[in-house]
Structures are given as C-alpha cells and as structure tokens.
C-alpha cells in the first residue's frame, strides 16, 4: 500500500544490520543523529508487544535551513526521520518522508536544497537496505 509522500524500501538485510548501516552512513557523511527511538522497547515497557521498530531523527542545518527559510512551517517536518521496521512476515523496511512532498506540503516549491536532500536520502536508504 503506497502512502503519499512516504518512501519505503524493503531491506536485503535483517533489522539490526539495516539500522546499523543507516547509522554508519550518517556518521560517515557528517549527518547529525538527534535521537534514536526504539518503539518496540517503549511498547515492552508498557507491557505490549511490537515488532522491531526504530525511529532515527537526523539532519543537517545546511540542508534543512533553506527549506525553513522558504516555508518556516516546514520545521514541523524537520528534522528528518527514518523508520526502520519489521513487518508481520519478517521483512525489514526503511521508510522516510520525501523531501519534495515536505516542500509541497508547506508551499515551498522546488528548491535546489530539496533536490539535494532527496538525492542524499535516497543514497543513505539504498546503502542501509542494500537496494
């Protein structure tokens, strides 16, 4: 099922490897990881179960600031996020919001920074998933 504005890749790797590869590429490219949220651990703490699901909040002010300068409300969607998750069949996926969709949502138009952000995210996701 396609979700508007959401890019999802099926990983060739297991959950831990996919998450580790994502974090490694961020570190190698100088991308700041602001938070890593283990939703499955949060569910377990509440006595509930959830398949492996981790949200990584990340960004780079050089990339994101031009979008917020064009449409300050884009700050609600920035910093960027990537979700590494395992489905009911055991397949691992990586999902993120398309920067072009974010820009469109906020009426920012086609900014060069948005295209660069989209290209970088595609490369990061491809590295993490092996796709």
C-alpha atoms as a PDB file:
ATOM      1  CA  UNK A   1       0.000   0.000   0.000  1.00  0.00           C
ATOM      2  CA  UNK A   2       1.520   3.298  -1.093  1.00  0.00           C
ATOM      3  CA  UNK A   3       1.310   6.212   1.320  1.00  0.00           C
ATOM      4  CA  UNK A   4       1.522   9.698  -0.181  1.00  0.00           C
ATOM      5  CA  UNK A   5       4.875  11.323   0.488  1.00  0.00           C
ATOM      6  CA  UNK A   6       6.372   8.247   2.130  1.00  0.00           C
ATOM      7  CA  UNK A   7       9.282   6.400   0.532  1.00  0.00           C
ATOM      8  CA  UNK A   8       9.672   2.786   1.679  1.00  0.00           C
ATOM      9  CA  UNK A   9      12.407   0.363   0.672  1.00  0.00           C
ATOM     10  CA  UNK A  10      12.486  -3.318   1.543  1.00  0.00           C
ATOM     11  CA  UNK A  11      15.850  -4.172   3.025  1.00  0.00           C
ATOM     12  CA  UNK A  12      18.072  -7.006   1.883  1.00  0.00           C
ATOM     13  CA  UNK A  13      19.361  -7.147   5.475  1.00  0.00           C
ATOM     14  CA  UNK A  14      17.986  -8.042   8.878  1.00  0.00           C
ATOM     15  CA  UNK A  15      16.697  -5.350  11.229  1.00  0.00           C
ATOM     16  CA  UNK A  16      19.902  -4.776  13.213  1.00  0.00           C
ATOM     17  CA  UNK A  17      22.106  -4.695  10.114  1.00  0.00           C
ATOM     18  CA  UNK A  18      19.782  -2.239   8.362  1.00  0.00           C
ATOM     19  CA  UNK A  19      19.714   0.094  11.366  1.00  0.00           C
ATOM     20  CA  UNK A  20      23.485  -0.190  11.883  1.00  0.00           C
ATOM     21  CA  UNK A  21      24.193   0.551   8.208  1.00  0.00           C
ATOM     22  CA  UNK A  22      21.923   3.599   8.336  1.00  0.00           C
ATOM     23  CA  UNK A  23      23.678   4.964  11.415  1.00  0.00           C
ATOM     24  CA  UNK A  24      27.092   4.228   9.879  1.00  0.00           C
ATOM     25  CA  UNK A  25      26.332   6.122   6.671  1.00  0.00           C
ATOM     26  CA  UNK A  26      25.048   9.089   8.674  1.00  0.00           C
ATOM     27  CA  UNK A  27      28.268   9.158  10.680  1.00  0.00           C
ATOM     28  CA  UNK A  28      30.424   8.813   7.557  1.00  0.00           C
ATOM     29  CA  UNK A  29      28.589  11.689   5.833  1.00  0.00           C
ATOM     30  CA  UNK A  30      28.595  14.007   8.846  1.00  0.00           C
ATOM     31  CA  UNK A  31      24.832  13.857   9.376  1.00  0.00           C
ATOM     32  CA  UNK A  32      23.788  14.570  12.960  1.00  0.00           C
ATOM     33  CA  UNK A  33      21.603  11.965  14.661  1.00  0.00           C
ATOM     34  CA  UNK A  34      19.487  13.853  17.193  1.00  0.00           C
ATOM     35  CA  UNK A  35      17.548  10.894  18.562  1.00  0.00           C
ATOM     36  CA  UNK A  36      17.032   7.189  18.175  1.00  0.00           C
ATOM     37  CA  UNK A  37      13.678   5.962  19.455  1.00  0.00           C
ATOM     38  CA  UNK A  38      13.117   2.236  19.954  1.00  0.00           C
ATOM     39  CA  UNK A  39       9.338   1.957  19.731  1.00  0.00           C
ATOM     40  CA  UNK A  40       9.425  -1.793  20.441  1.00  0.00           C
ATOM     41  CA  UNK A  41      11.246  -1.148  23.724  1.00  0.00           C
ATOM     42  CA  UNK A  42       8.691   1.517  24.598  1.00  0.00           C
ATOM     43  CA  UNK A  43       5.871  -0.917  23.905  1.00  0.00           C
ATOM     44  CA  UNK A  44       7.554  -3.588  26.018  1.00  0.00           C
ATOM     45  CA  UNK A  45       7.872  -1.097  28.872  1.00  0.00           C
ATOM     46  CA  UNK A  46       4.106  -0.657  28.739  1.00  0.00           C
ATOM     47  CA  UNK A  47       3.512  -4.423  28.716  1.00  0.00           C
ATOM     48  CA  UNK A  48       2.729  -4.506  24.980  1.00  0.00           C
ATOM     49  CA  UNK A  49       4.420  -6.170  22.039  1.00  0.00           C
ATOM     50  CA  UNK A  50       5.610  -4.552  18.839  1.00  0.00           C
ATOM     51  CA  UNK A  51       7.829  -5.904  16.103  1.00  0.00           C
ATOM     52  CA  UNK A  52      11.240  -4.197  15.847  1.00  0.00           C
ATOM     53  CA  UNK A  53      10.562  -0.543  15.006  1.00  0.00           C
ATOM     54  CA  UNK A  54      13.145   2.209  15.477  1.00  0.00           C
ATOM     55  CA  UNK A  55      12.817   5.857  14.506  1.00  0.00           C
ATOM     56  CA  UNK A  56      16.010   7.807  13.783  1.00  0.00           C
ATOM     57  CA  UNK A  57      15.726  11.607  13.881  1.00  0.00           C
ATOM     58  CA  UNK A  58      18.536  13.263  11.940  1.00  0.00           C
ATOM     59  CA  UNK A  59      19.518  16.308   9.986  1.00  0.00           C
ATOM     60  CA  UNK A  60      21.963  18.880   8.767  1.00  0.00           C
ATOM     61  CA  UNK A  61      21.239  22.618   9.182  1.00  0.00           C
ATOM     62  CA  UNK A  62      22.943  23.384   5.860  1.00  0.00           C
ATOM     63  CA  UNK A  63      20.380  21.159   4.109  1.00  0.00           C
ATOM     64  CA  UNK A  64      17.256  21.917   6.124  1.00  0.00           C
ATOM     65  CA  UNK A  65      17.522  25.640   6.786  1.00  0.00           C
ATOM     66  CA  UNK A  66      16.846  26.743   3.168  1.00  0.00           C
ATOM     67  CA  UNK A  67      13.568  24.818   3.258  1.00  0.00           C
ATOM     68  CA  UNK A  68      12.558  26.505   6.508  1.00  0.00           C
ATOM     69  CA  UNK A  69      13.620  29.890   5.115  1.00  0.00           C
ATOM     70  CA  UNK A  70      11.220  29.339   2.213  1.00  0.00           C
ATOM     71  CA  UNK A  71       8.423  27.993   4.429  1.00  0.00           C
ATOM     72  CA  UNK A  72       9.054  28.189   8.149  1.00  0.00           C
ATOM     73  CA  UNK A  73       6.217  25.751   8.865  1.00  0.00           C
ATOM     74  CA  UNK A  74       8.404  23.029   7.300  1.00  0.00           C
ATOM     75  CA  UNK A  75      10.075  22.985  10.711  1.00  0.00           C
ATOM     76  CA  UNK A  76       7.232  20.719  11.879  1.00  0.00           C
ATOM     77  CA  UNK A  77       8.552  18.053   9.472  1.00  0.00           C
ATOM     78  CA  UNK A  78      12.226  18.739  10.120  1.00  0.00           C
ATOM     79  CA  UNK A  79      14.487  17.312  11.428  1.00  0.00           C
ATOM     80  CA  UNK A  80      14.150  14.428   9.022  1.00  0.00           C
ATOM     81  CA  UNK A  81      13.190  10.969  10.219  1.00  0.00           C
ATOM     82  CA  UNK A  82      13.834   7.428   9.054  1.00  0.00           C
ATOM     83  CA  UNK A  83      11.867   4.462  10.349  1.00  0.00           C
ATOM     84  CA  UNK A  84      13.425   1.003  10.292  1.00  0.00           C
ATOM     85  CA  UNK A  85      10.719  -1.589  10.869  1.00  0.00           C
ATOM     86  CA  UNK A  86       9.929  -5.271  10.529  1.00  0.00           C
ATOM     87  CA  UNK A  87       6.611  -6.384   9.062  1.00  0.00           C
ATOM     88  CA  UNK A  88       4.432  -9.337  10.106  1.00  0.00           C
ATOM     89  CA  UNK A  89       6.188 -11.619   7.607  1.00  0.00           C
ATOM     90  CA  UNK A  90       9.629 -10.755   8.998  1.00  0.00           C
ATOM     91  CA  UNK A  91      10.734  -8.487   6.135  1.00  0.00           C
ATOM     92  CA  UNK A  92      12.616  -5.346   7.138  1.00  0.00           C
ATOM     93  CA  UNK A  93      11.832  -1.952   5.645  1.00  0.00           C
ATOM     94  CA  UNK A  94      13.170   1.583   5.808  1.00  0.00           C
ATOM     95  CA  UNK A  95      10.706   4.469   5.377  1.00  0.00           C
ATOM     96  CA  UNK A  96      11.204   8.237   5.204  1.00  0.00           C
ATOM     97  CA  UNK A  97       9.275  11.315   4.128  1.00  0.00           C
ATOM     98  CA  UNK A  98      10.087  12.505   0.609  1.00  0.00           C
ATOM     99  CA  UNK A  99      11.634  15.988   0.933  1.00  0.00           C
ATOM    100  CA  UNK A 100       9.745  17.073  -2.197  1.00  0.00           C
ATOM    101  CA  UNK A 101       6.494  16.097  -0.503  1.00  0.00           C
ATOM    102  CA  UNK A 102       7.519  18.060   2.609  1.00  0.00           C
ATOM    103  CA  UNK A 103       8.305  21.135   0.478  1.00  0.00           C
ATOM    104  CA  UNK A 104       4.998  20.801  -1.366  1.00  0.00           C
ATOM    105  CA  UNK A 105       3.057  20.353   1.844  1.00  0.00           C
ATOM    106  CA  UNK A 106       4.383  23.705   3.035  1.00  0.00           C
ATOM    107  CA  UNK A 107       4.192  25.520  -0.323  1.00  0.00           C
ATOM    108  CA  UNK A 108       7.951  25.945  -0.592  1.00  0.00           C
ATOM    109  CA  UNK A 109       8.193  24.968  -4.254  1.00  0.00           C
ATOM    110  CA  UNK A 110      11.113  23.283  -5.986  1.00  0.00           C
ATOM    111  CA  UNK A 111      14.213  24.416  -4.121  1.00  0.00           C
ATOM    112  CA  UNK A 112      17.696  23.171  -5.063  1.00  0.00           C
ATOM    113  CA  UNK A 113      18.224  22.220  -1.404  1.00  0.00           C
ATOM    114  CA  UNK A 114      15.175  19.940  -1.532  1.00  0.00           C
ATOM    115  CA  UNK A 115      16.505  18.104  -4.579  1.00  0.00           C
ATOM    116  CA  UNK A 116      19.871  17.660  -2.880  1.00  0.00           C
ATOM    117  CA  UNK A 117      18.156  16.403   0.268  1.00  0.00           C
ATOM    118  CA  UNK A 118      16.121  13.880  -1.749  1.00  0.00           C
ATOM    119  CA  UNK A 119      19.226  12.625  -3.542  1.00  0.00           C
ATOM    120  CA  UNK A 120      21.124  12.216  -0.274  1.00  0.00           C
ATOM    121  CA  UNK A 121      18.237  10.406   1.439  1.00  0.00           C
ATOM    122  CA  UNK A 122      17.892   8.011  -1.476  1.00  0.00           C
ATOM    123  CA  UNK A 123      21.615   7.210  -1.259  1.00  0.00           C
ATOM    124  CA  UNK A 124      21.511   6.762   2.538  1.00  0.00           C
ATOM    125  CA  UNK A 125      18.472   4.479   2.298  1.00  0.00           C
ATOM    126  CA  UNK A 126      19.998   2.466  -0.512  1.00  0.00           C
ATOM    127  CA  UNK A 127      23.173   1.972   1.484  1.00  0.00           C
ATOM    128  CA  UNK A 128      21.263   0.900   4.588  1.00  0.00           C
ATOM    129  CA  UNK A 129      18.970  -1.524   2.776  1.00  0.00           C
ATOM    130  CA  UNK A 130      21.351  -2.828   0.141  1.00  0.00           C
ATOM    131  CA  UNK A 131      18.808  -1.894  -2.544  1.00  0.00           C
END
